[in-house]
Each structure stands twice: as C-alpha cells, then as structure tokens.
Amino acid sequence: MSSWMMPDYMFRTYEEVTPAFLESLGVRAVLADIDNTLAPYEQAEPDDRIRNWIGSLRAAGISIAFVSNNQRERVELFNRTLGVPAYWKSGKPRARTLYRAMKALGTDRAHTVMLGDQLLTDCLAGKRIGLRAIILPPIRDKRNLFFRFKRWCEKPFIRSFKKQHGITW
C-alpha cells in the first residue's frame, strides 16, 4: 500500500510537466485532475496558461483527459472550450474511470501518467493500475476537516519523497 502512495515525480506546477519531460518518459497521454491541480476550485474555466499548456501537449502529440471527482457541471464548464475527454464523479482512487479515459485516448498504462494534487485519490488511483504518478502541491487547498485530515495523512509520504529526491520547496 505505501508504494501506491509514493509519487514517481513531483513538480511545483503543471507547467513544469513539459512535453519534453513527458516525451523522455515515453508518455503519450496524461490523465489530469482539475481542481487544485490545474486550477483552484473557484476558477470555473481554464485560463490562458492552462490552454497554452494543453496546446503544447497537443502540439507534441500528447493527449490529455480530465479525470475528476467533482460534479458534472463543474467538469463540463471547465472543459467547454478545451473539448478533451472529461470524466466527472470518477470515484478516484477507484480505477474504472482511468481505464475508460485511456481507452478513449487510445493509450495504455506504459504510455500514460496520472497528474494530480492528492496522494489518496490521484496517486493511489494511478499507481494501483501501474501508471506513473505526478503530484503537484495543491494550488489553494480547502480548509475543512476532511481535507485537513487527508493532507495530514499524506505528509509523511511527501516528506519522504522530497528527502529521497533532494527537493527543498
């Protein structure tokens, strides 16, 4: 179980997950969370930075799909101008929706990564089915008791990863 909670890579922002980095891993598809990974919860639609990043992936031949635990309305509004495969109420860390997204993108586990901000949902879902997991710090975390507890559970894994890889931020 603990290996399923340990990300393969950590970056400060999604923009650091460049097409060149993904190509170096042989990645052809990214399954991305939306909330706190690409945008804060209160940002309804993608901004130019997100559109440019997705455009750079597409230009490099890398597909993307959104896999979110949020509601349909939130995911559809965010995706309205992007038009990528998008899945709401995905039930992460269950993997069923990740398989659906990979099928829609025409990819497999060896050529796909999971990008998110939570170890208990995004990382765990991806690692359970053999995907490499890229974790980012949350953009603006919710402060309710449930999220504070989840972040508390993740701290030892994040600390361990940073120590192993010499990350100081």
N, C-alpha and C. Protein backbone atom coordinates (compact mmCIF):
# COMPACT_ATOMS: atom_id res chain seq x y z
N MET A 1 0.82 -1.20 0.00
CA MET A 1 0.00 0.00 0.00
C MET A 1 0.86 1.26 0.00
N SER A 2 1.96 1.28 0.77
CA SER A 2 2.75 2.51 0.86
C SER A 2 3.39 2.86 -0.48
N SER A 3 3.73 1.88 -1.31
CA SER A 3 4.30 2.21 -2.61
C SER A 3 3.25 2.83 -3.52
N TRP A 4 1.98 2.54 -3.27
CA TRP A 4 0.90 3.16 -4.05
C TRP A 4 0.68 4.61 -3.65
N MET A 5 1.22 5.00 -2.51
CA MET A 5 1.05 6.37 -2.02
C MET A 5 2.27 7.24 -2.35
N MET A 6 3.29 6.64 -2.94
CA MET A 6 4.51 7.39 -3.23
C MET A 6 4.50 7.80 -4.70
N PRO A 7 4.50 9.11 -4.96
CA PRO A 7 4.51 9.55 -6.36
C PRO A 7 5.81 9.16 -7.05
N ASP A 8 5.78 9.16 -8.35
CA ASP A 8 7.00 8.93 -9.12
C ASP A 8 7.75 10.24 -9.36
N TYR A 9 6.98 11.32 -9.47
CA TYR A 9 7.56 12.64 -9.73
C TYR A 9 6.74 13.68 -9.00
N MET A 10 7.42 14.77 -8.61
CA MET A 10 6.74 15.93 -8.03
C MET A 10 7.27 17.19 -8.70
N PHE A 11 6.35 18.06 -9.02
CA PHE A 11 6.69 19.36 -9.59
C PHE A 11 5.91 20.42 -8.83
N ARG A 12 6.34 21.67 -8.95
CA ARG A 12 5.64 22.77 -8.27
C ARG A 12 4.34 23.13 -8.97
N THR A 13 4.33 23.09 -10.31
CA THR A 13 3.13 23.43 -11.06
C THR A 13 3.01 22.52 -12.27
N TYR A 14 1.80 22.47 -12.84
CA TYR A 14 1.59 21.67 -14.04
C TYR A 14 2.46 22.15 -15.20
N GLU A 15 2.79 23.44 -15.24
CA GLU A 15 3.60 23.97 -16.34
C GLU A 15 5.01 23.40 -16.36
N GLU A 16 5.48 22.90 -15.23
CA GLU A 16 6.79 22.25 -15.19
C GLU A 16 6.75 20.84 -15.78
N VAL A 17 5.57 20.31 -15.97
CA VAL A 17 5.39 19.00 -16.61
C VAL A 17 5.35 19.26 -18.12
N THR A 18 6.52 19.38 -18.69
CA THR A 18 6.66 19.81 -20.08
C THR A 18 6.51 18.65 -21.05
N PRO A 19 6.19 18.96 -22.30
CA PRO A 19 6.17 17.91 -23.31
C PRO A 19 7.52 17.19 -23.41
N ALA A 20 8.61 17.92 -23.30
CA ALA A 20 9.94 17.29 -23.37
C ALA A 20 10.13 16.27 -22.25
N PHE A 21 9.71 16.64 -21.03
CA PHE A 21 9.80 15.70 -19.90
C PHE A 21 8.94 14.47 -20.17
N LEU A 22 7.71 14.67 -20.58
CA LEU A 22 6.81 13.54 -20.84
C LEU A 22 7.34 12.67 -21.97
N GLU A 23 7.84 13.28 -23.02
CA GLU A 23 8.41 12.51 -24.14
C GLU A 23 9.60 11.68 -23.68
N SER A 24 10.41 12.22 -22.75
CA SER A 24 11.56 11.48 -22.24
C SER A 24 11.14 10.21 -21.51
N LEU A 25 9.90 10.19 -21.02
CA LEU A 25 9.36 9.01 -20.33
C LEU A 25 8.61 8.08 -21.29
N GLY A 26 8.46 8.51 -22.54
CA GLY A 26 7.68 7.73 -23.49
C GLY A 26 6.19 7.91 -23.31
N VAL A 27 5.79 9.00 -22.68
CA VAL A 27 4.38 9.26 -22.38
C VAL A 27 3.67 9.83 -23.61
N ARG A 28 2.50 9.28 -23.90
CA ARG A 28 1.66 9.77 -24.99
C ARG A 28 0.32 10.29 -24.50
N ALA A 29 0.04 10.14 -23.19
CA ALA A 29 -1.24 10.59 -22.65
C ALA A 29 -1.10 10.97 -21.18
N VAL A 30 -1.84 12.02 -20.81
CA VAL A 30 -1.90 12.50 -19.43
C VAL A 30 -3.35 12.44 -18.97
N LEU A 31 -3.58 11.78 -17.85
CA LEU A 31 -4.87 11.81 -17.18
C LEU A 31 -4.72 12.83 -16.06
N ALA A 32 -5.46 13.93 -16.14
CA ALA A 32 -5.25 15.04 -15.22
C ALA A 32 -6.47 15.32 -14.37
N ASP A 33 -6.21 15.54 -13.10
CA ASP A 33 -7.21 16.08 -12.21
C ASP A 33 -7.37 17.56 -12.58
N ILE A 34 -8.46 18.17 -12.19
CA ILE A 34 -8.66 19.60 -12.46
C ILE A 34 -8.43 20.43 -11.20
N ASP A 35 -9.25 20.19 -10.19
CA ASP A 35 -9.27 21.05 -9.00
C ASP A 35 -8.01 20.92 -8.17
N ASN A 36 -7.39 22.07 -7.94
CA ASN A 36 -6.16 22.21 -7.17
C ASN A 36 -4.95 21.64 -7.89
N THR A 37 -5.14 21.11 -9.08
CA THR A 37 -4.03 20.64 -9.91
C THR A 37 -3.80 21.63 -11.04
N LEU A 38 -4.84 21.88 -11.82
CA LEU A 38 -4.75 22.84 -12.92
C LEU A 38 -5.32 24.19 -12.54
N ALA A 39 -6.31 24.20 -11.69
CA ALA A 39 -6.99 25.45 -11.31
C ALA A 39 -7.55 25.31 -9.90
N PRO A 40 -7.68 26.44 -9.19
CA PRO A 40 -8.37 26.37 -7.90
C PRO A 40 -9.85 26.06 -8.10
N TYR A 41 -10.49 25.56 -7.08
CA TYR A 41 -11.90 25.18 -7.15
C TYR A 41 -12.78 26.30 -7.69
N GLU A 42 -12.47 27.52 -7.30
CA GLU A 42 -13.35 28.62 -7.67
C GLU A 42 -13.11 29.17 -9.09
N GLN A 43 -12.11 28.65 -9.79
CA GLN A 43 -11.86 29.06 -11.18
C GLN A 43 -12.69 28.17 -12.10
N ALA A 44 -13.74 28.73 -12.65
CA ALA A 44 -14.71 27.94 -13.41
C ALA A 44 -14.20 27.47 -14.76
N GLU A 45 -13.37 28.27 -15.40
CA GLU A 45 -12.91 27.94 -16.75
C GLU A 45 -11.39 28.04 -16.84
N PRO A 46 -10.80 27.36 -17.80
CA PRO A 46 -9.34 27.41 -17.93
C PRO A 46 -8.88 28.80 -18.36
N ASP A 47 -7.74 29.22 -17.83
CA ASP A 47 -7.16 30.49 -18.24
C ASP A 47 -6.18 30.25 -19.40
N ASP A 48 -5.54 31.30 -19.85
CA ASP A 48 -4.61 31.19 -20.98
C ASP A 48 -3.44 30.28 -20.67
N ARG A 49 -2.96 30.29 -19.44
CA ARG A 49 -1.84 29.41 -19.06
C ARG A 49 -2.21 27.94 -19.25
N ILE A 50 -3.39 27.57 -18.81
CA ILE A 50 -3.85 26.19 -18.95
C ILE A 50 -4.03 25.85 -20.43
N ARG A 51 -4.68 26.74 -21.16
CA ARG A 51 -4.88 26.49 -22.59
C ARG A 51 -3.55 26.35 -23.33
N ASN A 52 -2.58 27.20 -22.98
CA ASN A 52 -1.26 27.12 -23.62
C ASN A 52 -0.55 25.82 -23.28
N TRP A 53 -0.65 25.39 -22.03
CA TRP A 53 -0.01 24.14 -21.61
C TRP A 53 -0.63 22.95 -22.35
N ILE A 54 -1.95 22.92 -22.39
CA ILE A 54 -2.62 21.83 -23.11
C ILE A 54 -2.28 21.89 -24.59
N GLY A 55 -2.22 23.10 -25.14
CA GLY A 55 -1.82 23.26 -26.54
C GLY A 55 -0.42 22.74 -26.80
N SER A 56 0.50 22.96 -25.86
CA SER A 56 1.87 22.45 -26.03
C SER A 56 1.91 20.93 -25.98
N LEU A 57 1.06 20.34 -25.15
CA LEU A 57 0.98 18.87 -25.12
C LEU A 57 0.46 18.35 -26.45
N ARG A 58 -0.62 18.94 -26.91
CA ARG A 58 -1.22 18.51 -28.18
C ARG A 58 -0.23 18.67 -29.34
N ALA A 59 0.50 19.77 -29.36
CA ALA A 59 1.48 20.02 -30.43
C ALA A 59 2.57 18.94 -30.43
N ALA A 60 2.85 18.39 -29.26
CA ALA A 60 3.86 17.34 -29.14
C ALA A 60 3.26 15.94 -29.36
N GLY A 61 1.97 15.88 -29.64
CA GLY A 61 1.33 14.58 -29.86
C GLY A 61 0.94 13.87 -28.58
N ILE A 62 0.84 14.62 -27.49
CA ILE A 62 0.47 14.04 -26.19
C ILE A 62 -0.99 14.38 -25.93
N SER A 63 -1.80 13.36 -25.70
CA SER A 63 -3.23 13.54 -25.43
C SER A 63 -3.46 13.81 -23.95
N ILE A 64 -4.60 14.40 -23.66
CA ILE A 64 -4.96 14.65 -22.26
C ILE A 64 -6.44 14.35 -22.07
N ALA A 65 -6.78 13.87 -20.89
CA ALA A 65 -8.16 13.68 -20.47
C ALA A 65 -8.26 14.16 -19.04
N PHE A 66 -9.41 14.72 -18.69
CA PHE A 66 -9.66 15.12 -17.31
C PHE A 66 -10.38 13.99 -16.59
N VAL A 67 -9.86 13.66 -15.41
CA VAL A 67 -10.47 12.65 -14.56
C VAL A 67 -10.66 13.30 -13.19
N SER A 68 -11.89 13.69 -12.91
CA SER A 68 -12.18 14.48 -11.72
C SER A 68 -13.21 13.79 -10.84
N ASN A 69 -13.09 14.00 -9.55
CA ASN A 69 -14.11 13.52 -8.61
C ASN A 69 -15.22 14.56 -8.42
N ASN A 70 -15.09 15.70 -9.07
CA ASN A 70 -16.07 16.76 -8.91
C ASN A 70 -17.34 16.47 -9.72
N GLN A 71 -18.30 17.36 -9.61
CA GLN A 71 -19.60 17.22 -10.24
C GLN A 71 -19.54 17.46 -11.76
N ARG A 72 -20.51 16.92 -12.45
CA ARG A 72 -20.60 17.04 -13.91
C ARG A 72 -20.58 18.50 -14.37
N GLU A 73 -21.36 19.35 -13.72
CA GLU A 73 -21.44 20.75 -14.13
C GLU A 73 -20.08 21.43 -14.07
N ARG A 74 -19.33 21.18 -13.02
CA ARG A 74 -18.01 21.79 -12.84
C ARG A 74 -17.09 21.33 -13.96
N VAL A 75 -17.02 20.03 -14.21
CA VAL A 75 -16.10 19.46 -15.19
C VAL A 75 -16.49 19.90 -16.61
N GLU A 76 -17.77 19.87 -16.93
CA GLU A 76 -18.20 20.27 -18.27
C GLU A 76 -17.94 21.75 -18.54
N LEU A 77 -18.16 22.61 -17.56
CA LEU A 77 -17.87 24.03 -17.73
C LEU A 77 -16.38 24.26 -17.94
N PHE A 78 -15.56 23.61 -17.15
CA PHE A 78 -14.12 23.78 -17.28
C PHE A 78 -13.63 23.28 -18.65
N ASN A 79 -14.23 22.24 -19.14
CA ASN A 79 -13.80 21.61 -20.39
C ASN A 79 -14.47 22.19 -21.64
N ARG A 80 -15.45 23.04 -21.46
CA ARG A 80 -16.26 23.54 -22.58
C ARG A 80 -15.43 24.06 -23.74
N THR A 81 -14.40 24.85 -23.50
CA THR A 81 -13.61 25.42 -24.59
C THR A 81 -12.43 24.54 -24.98
N LEU A 82 -12.15 23.50 -24.21
CA LEU A 82 -11.00 22.64 -24.49
C LEU A 82 -11.38 21.41 -25.31
N GLY A 83 -12.52 20.84 -24.99
CA GLY A 83 -13.02 19.69 -25.74
C GLY A 83 -12.19 18.43 -25.64
N VAL A 84 -11.61 18.18 -24.46
CA VAL A 84 -10.87 16.93 -24.28
C VAL A 84 -11.80 15.91 -23.62
N PRO A 85 -11.50 14.63 -23.71
CA PRO A 85 -12.32 13.67 -22.96
C PRO A 85 -12.31 14.05 -21.48
N ALA A 86 -13.47 14.06 -20.87
CA ALA A 86 -13.58 14.50 -19.48
C ALA A 86 -14.54 13.60 -18.72
N TYR A 87 -14.15 13.26 -17.50
CA TYR A 87 -14.92 12.33 -16.67
C TYR A 87 -15.13 12.97 -15.30
N TRP A 88 -16.37 13.03 -14.86
CA TRP A 88 -16.71 13.60 -13.57
C TRP A 88 -17.12 12.48 -12.64
N LYS A 89 -17.17 12.81 -11.35
CA LYS A 89 -17.53 11.83 -10.32
C LYS A 89 -16.84 10.49 -10.61
N SER A 90 -15.54 10.57 -10.84
CA SER A 90 -14.79 9.40 -11.30
C SER A 90 -14.56 8.36 -10.21
N GLY A 91 -14.73 8.75 -8.96
CA GLY A 91 -14.57 7.77 -7.89
C GLY A 91 -13.13 7.43 -7.55
N LYS A 92 -12.18 8.30 -7.93
CA LYS A 92 -10.80 8.01 -7.55
C LYS A 92 -10.74 7.88 -6.03
N PRO A 93 -10.07 6.89 -5.52
CA PRO A 93 -8.99 6.11 -6.11
C PRO A 93 -9.40 4.85 -6.87
N ARG A 94 -10.69 4.63 -7.07
CA ARG A 94 -11.05 3.51 -7.95
C ARG A 94 -10.50 3.79 -9.34
N ALA A 95 -10.23 2.75 -10.08
CA ALA A 95 -9.51 2.90 -11.34
C ALA A 95 -10.39 2.79 -12.58
N ARG A 96 -11.65 2.46 -12.42
CA ARG A 96 -12.52 2.21 -13.57
C ARG A 96 -12.50 3.37 -14.57
N THR A 97 -12.60 4.59 -14.09
CA THR A 97 -12.64 5.75 -14.99
C THR A 97 -11.29 5.98 -15.66
N LEU A 98 -10.21 5.66 -14.99
CA LEU A 98 -8.89 5.80 -15.62
C LEU A 98 -8.79 4.86 -16.82
N TYR A 99 -9.29 3.65 -16.69
CA TYR A 99 -9.31 2.72 -17.82
C TYR A 99 -10.15 3.27 -18.97
N ARG A 100 -11.32 3.83 -18.64
CA ARG A 100 -12.18 4.43 -19.67
C ARG A 100 -11.47 5.56 -20.40
N ALA A 101 -10.79 6.40 -19.65
CA ALA A 101 -10.07 7.53 -20.24
C ALA A 101 -8.93 7.05 -21.14
N MET A 102 -8.19 6.05 -20.69
CA MET A 102 -7.10 5.52 -21.52
C MET A 102 -7.65 4.92 -22.81
N LYS A 103 -8.77 4.22 -22.71
CA LYS A 103 -9.38 3.65 -23.91
C LYS A 103 -9.79 4.76 -24.88
N ALA A 104 -10.39 5.82 -24.37
CA ALA A 104 -10.81 6.94 -25.22
C ALA A 104 -9.62 7.61 -25.89
N LEU A 105 -8.48 7.64 -25.21
CA LEU A 105 -7.28 8.26 -25.76
C LEU A 105 -6.46 7.30 -26.62
N GLY A 106 -6.82 6.04 -26.61
CA GLY A 106 -6.08 5.04 -27.38
C GLY A 106 -4.69 4.79 -26.85
N THR A 107 -4.57 4.75 -25.54
CA THR A 107 -3.26 4.55 -24.92
C THR A 107 -3.31 3.39 -23.93
N ASP A 108 -2.18 3.10 -23.35
CA ASP A 108 -2.09 2.03 -22.36
C ASP A 108 -1.30 2.52 -21.16
N ARG A 109 -1.17 1.65 -20.17
CA ARG A 109 -0.50 2.04 -18.92
C ARG A 109 0.95 2.46 -19.12
N ALA A 110 1.63 1.82 -20.02
CA ALA A 110 3.06 2.12 -20.22
C ALA A 110 3.29 3.52 -20.78
N HIS A 111 2.29 4.08 -21.43
CA HIS A 111 2.45 5.37 -22.11
C HIS A 111 1.57 6.47 -21.53
N THR A 112 1.12 6.27 -20.28
CA THR A 112 0.18 7.20 -19.66
C THR A 112 0.67 7.56 -18.25
N VAL A 113 0.44 8.81 -17.86
CA VAL A 113 0.71 9.23 -16.48
C VAL A 113 -0.56 9.81 -15.88
N MET A 114 -0.62 9.79 -14.55
CA MET A 114 -1.69 10.42 -13.79
C MET A 114 -1.12 11.67 -13.15
N LEU A 115 -1.78 12.81 -13.35
CA LEU A 115 -1.35 14.10 -12.81
C LEU A 115 -2.39 14.60 -11.83
N GLY A 116 -1.99 14.89 -10.61
CA GLY A 116 -2.95 15.38 -9.63
C GLY A 116 -2.27 16.01 -8.44
N ASP A 117 -3.08 16.39 -7.45
CA ASP A 117 -2.55 17.03 -6.25
C ASP A 117 -2.72 16.19 -4.99
N GLN A 118 -3.44 15.08 -5.07
CA GLN A 118 -3.71 14.29 -3.87
C GLN A 118 -3.15 12.88 -3.98
N LEU A 119 -2.45 12.47 -2.94
CA LEU A 119 -1.92 11.11 -2.91
C LEU A 119 -3.05 10.10 -2.71
N LEU A 120 -4.03 10.45 -1.89
CA LEU A 120 -5.08 9.49 -1.53
C LEU A 120 -6.10 9.28 -2.64
N THR A 121 -6.10 10.11 -3.65
CA THR A 121 -7.02 9.91 -4.77
C THR A 121 -6.24 9.74 -6.06
N ASP A 122 -5.55 10.78 -6.49
CA ASP A 122 -4.88 10.77 -7.79
C ASP A 122 -3.73 9.78 -7.86
N CYS A 123 -2.81 9.89 -6.92
CA CYS A 123 -1.64 8.99 -6.93
C CYS A 123 -2.07 7.55 -6.73
N LEU A 124 -2.91 7.31 -5.75
CA LEU A 124 -3.35 5.95 -5.45
C LEU A 124 -4.09 5.33 -6.62
N ALA A 125 -4.96 6.08 -7.26
CA ALA A 125 -5.71 5.55 -8.42
C ALA A 125 -4.75 5.14 -9.53
N GLY A 126 -3.81 6.02 -9.85
CA GLY A 126 -2.87 5.72 -10.92
C GLY A 126 -1.95 4.57 -10.59
N LYS A 127 -1.37 4.59 -9.41
CA LYS A 127 -0.39 3.56 -9.03
C LYS A 127 -1.03 2.18 -8.93
N ARG A 128 -2.28 2.13 -8.52
CA ARG A 128 -2.97 0.83 -8.39
C ARG A 128 -3.02 0.09 -9.72
N ILE A 129 -3.04 0.83 -10.83
CA ILE A 129 -3.14 0.16 -12.14
C ILE A 129 -1.84 0.27 -12.93
N GLY A 130 -0.77 0.69 -12.27
CA GLY A 130 0.54 0.69 -12.93
C GLY A 130 0.91 1.95 -13.68
N LEU A 131 0.18 3.04 -13.45
CA LEU A 131 0.56 4.31 -14.07
C LEU A 131 1.63 4.99 -13.22
N ARG A 132 2.43 5.80 -13.86
CA ARG A 132 3.33 6.67 -13.12
C ARG A 132 2.52 7.87 -12.65
N ALA A 133 2.79 8.30 -11.43
CA ALA A 133 2.02 9.39 -10.82
C ALA A 133 2.89 10.63 -10.66
N ILE A 134 2.36 11.75 -11.15
CA ILE A 134 3.00 13.05 -10.98
C ILE A 134 2.11 13.85 -10.04
N ILE A 135 2.70 14.30 -8.94
CA ILE A 135 1.94 15.03 -7.93
C ILE A 135 2.45 16.46 -7.84
N LEU A 136 1.51 17.37 -7.70
CA LEU A 136 1.78 18.79 -7.52
C LEU A 136 1.25 19.22 -6.17
N PRO A 137 1.84 20.24 -5.56
CA PRO A 137 1.21 20.76 -4.35
C PRO A 137 -0.13 21.40 -4.72
N PRO A 138 -1.10 21.36 -3.82
CA PRO A 138 -2.40 21.96 -4.14
C PRO A 138 -2.27 23.46 -4.36
N ILE A 139 -3.03 23.96 -5.32
CA ILE A 139 -3.00 25.40 -5.62
C ILE A 139 -3.56 26.19 -4.46
N ARG A 140 -4.74 25.85 -4.01
CA ARG A 140 -5.38 26.51 -2.88
C ARG A 140 -6.27 25.48 -2.22
N ASP A 141 -5.80 24.95 -1.14
CA ASP A 141 -6.47 23.82 -0.51
C ASP A 141 -7.72 24.23 0.25
N LYS A 142 -8.68 23.32 0.25
CA LYS A 142 -9.85 23.50 1.10
C LYS A 142 -9.40 23.33 2.56
N ARG A 143 -10.04 24.04 3.44
CA ARG A 143 -9.62 24.01 4.84
C ARG A 143 -10.59 23.26 5.74
N ASN A 144 -11.52 22.50 5.17
CA ASN A 144 -12.44 21.77 6.04
C ASN A 144 -11.71 20.59 6.69
N LEU A 145 -12.33 20.02 7.70
CA LEU A 145 -11.71 18.96 8.48
C LEU A 145 -11.33 17.76 7.62
N PHE A 146 -12.17 17.38 6.68
CA PHE A 146 -11.90 16.23 5.82
C PHE A 146 -10.62 16.43 5.02
N PHE A 147 -10.45 17.59 4.38
CA PHE A 147 -9.26 17.83 3.59
C PHE A 147 -8.03 18.00 4.46
N ARG A 148 -8.18 18.63 5.62
CA ARG A 148 -7.03 18.76 6.52
C ARG A 148 -6.56 17.38 6.97
N PHE A 149 -7.48 16.47 7.24
CA PHE A 149 -7.11 15.11 7.64
C PHE A 149 -6.40 14.39 6.49
N LYS A 150 -6.93 14.50 5.27
CA LYS A 150 -6.29 13.85 4.12
C LYS A 150 -4.87 14.38 3.92
N ARG A 151 -4.69 15.68 4.02
CA ARG A 151 -3.35 16.26 3.84
C ARG A 151 -2.41 15.81 4.96
N TRP A 152 -2.93 15.67 6.16
CA TRP A 152 -2.12 15.20 7.28
C TRP A 152 -1.64 13.76 7.01
N CYS A 153 -2.51 12.92 6.46
CA CYS A 153 -2.15 11.54 6.13
C CYS A 153 -1.09 11.49 5.02
N GLU A 154 -1.11 12.46 4.13
CA GLU A 154 -0.17 12.48 3.01
C GLU A 154 1.22 13.00 3.39
N LYS A 155 1.30 13.79 4.44
CA LYS A 155 2.56 14.47 4.78
C LYS A 155 3.77 13.54 4.89
N PRO A 156 3.68 12.40 5.56
CA PRO A 156 4.89 11.55 5.65
C PRO A 156 5.39 11.09 4.29
N PHE A 157 4.50 10.82 3.37
CA PHE A 157 4.90 10.37 2.03
C PHE A 157 5.55 11.51 1.24
N ILE A 158 4.97 12.69 1.35
CA ILE A 158 5.53 13.86 0.67
C ILE A 158 6.92 14.17 1.23
N ARG A 159 7.04 14.17 2.56
CA ARG A 159 8.35 14.43 3.19
C ARG A 159 9.38 13.41 2.73
N SER A 160 9.00 12.14 2.72
CA SER A 160 9.91 11.07 2.32
C SER A 160 10.34 11.25 0.87
N PHE A 161 9.40 11.54 -0.02
CA PHE A 161 9.74 11.74 -1.43
C PHE A 161 10.71 12.90 -1.58
N LYS A 162 10.41 14.01 -0.94
CA LYS A 162 11.28 15.20 -1.05
C LYS A 162 12.69 14.89 -0.52
N LYS A 163 12.76 14.19 0.59
CA LYS A 163 14.07 13.84 1.16
C LYS A 163 14.85 12.93 0.21
N GLN A 164 14.20 11.91 -0.34
CA GLN A 164 14.86 10.98 -1.27
C GLN A 164 15.36 11.66 -2.53
N HIS A 165 14.65 12.71 -2.96
CA HIS A 165 14.99 13.37 -4.23
C HIS A 165 15.62 14.74 -4.06
N GLY A 166 15.95 15.10 -2.84
CA GLY A 166 16.63 16.38 -2.58
C GLY A 166 15.81 17.61 -2.92
N ILE A 167 14.51 17.51 -2.77
CA ILE A 167 13.62 18.65 -3.05
C ILE A 167 13.48 19.48 -1.79
N THR A 168 13.70 20.78 -1.90
CA THR A 168 13.67 21.64 -0.72
C THR A 168 12.50 22.59 -0.67
N TRP A 169 11.62 22.60 -1.65
CA TRP A 169 10.47 23.52 -1.60
C TRP A 169 9.31 22.87 -0.91
